[in-house]
């Protein structure tokens, strides 16, 4: 099939040359037919130019997906008591203000009684002030008594406001229960409480941790021998076992300039967008970080290389009737780019697309 395709592409040139040879003397018709690319083939191929560029390489790292710590919020109880309800489970998405748990607390019961008393005192003080204002207007009592009544109103209102602030800070409802609510929208990534759980008043552990997962971090390990090869800002491609064919692109945005005393590795951080929530914290991650070497070499597209008989070749394009097969020595190939140790010169042109067809035609 390939030979038929080659024949179609190059047949116009060959037929033209063959027809011409029929009108020539016999000795001339025995000369070899000159190769040329047809107009159709010229439209199909692509031609690239050899450039000298700084050599890039990739550093292979291992790591894991972690939470974006800038978006993590730990939720602590401010009072002791018994957890009467838990409204969420690990992994749930919650909106801002959504109830997470309800705590029945003896401490809050006292706050509730104090608030009721403060509301009564404020009401009495206000009525007393109104009475004094009426009496003062009639000249029955003195300005001093009116001033004292005004002070009592200010004092009682201040105490009532203090207790209202306590209720707000502790999220105390009208029944005297502490209601823990989500301060922001996010996922429940940590849950340490169940109904019936008793909390001590001096408890210093968080009950829940919320985090957004629309952006995650990759924590990768760099061994001591590779520390000089990595810097902030380098491009990084991340793959996981769950999505082997999917490449997540990011950049190294943090280099932790300390080594772990036990593992002898340095940590680097890569931020990744995760709008579809595919990446889960604690997933294993393979990381390829692109970095530049000090030297510069000739570079060509990897796709332009023809491997045949254990050797590497390229097709040098001089004109449509002059195409040269040339052997090259590779330094290394890094993804789509290959670096050439010898065999090419700067600004030489080579065929990149459909070059195998041309190569087969030249070797027929």
Foldseek 3Di string as FASTA:
>chain_A
DLVVVLCVFFVVQVVVQQVVLVPDDPVVSPDDRFGFGHPVVVVFWDKDFKAKDFDKAKDKWKWFWAFPVVFKDFAAQQFWAFWADADDDAFDWDAAFAWGTKGAHPVLVVLLVQLVVLVVQLVVLVVLLVVVVVCVVVVNDDVVSNVVSVVSNVVSVVSNVVSVVVCVVQVADNVSMRTDGHNHIFGFNDADDDGGDTGHNPDDHTGTMGGHQQKIKIKIWAAPVCPVFDDWFWKKWKAFPVGRPDTWIWTFHAWAPDADPPPRTTITMTMTGRNVSPGDGPTMMMMITMGTDDDIAIKDFPQQWDQDPNWIWWWFPPDRRDIDIWTFAWPADHPGMTGTPDTDDGGTMTIRGPVVSVVVVVVD
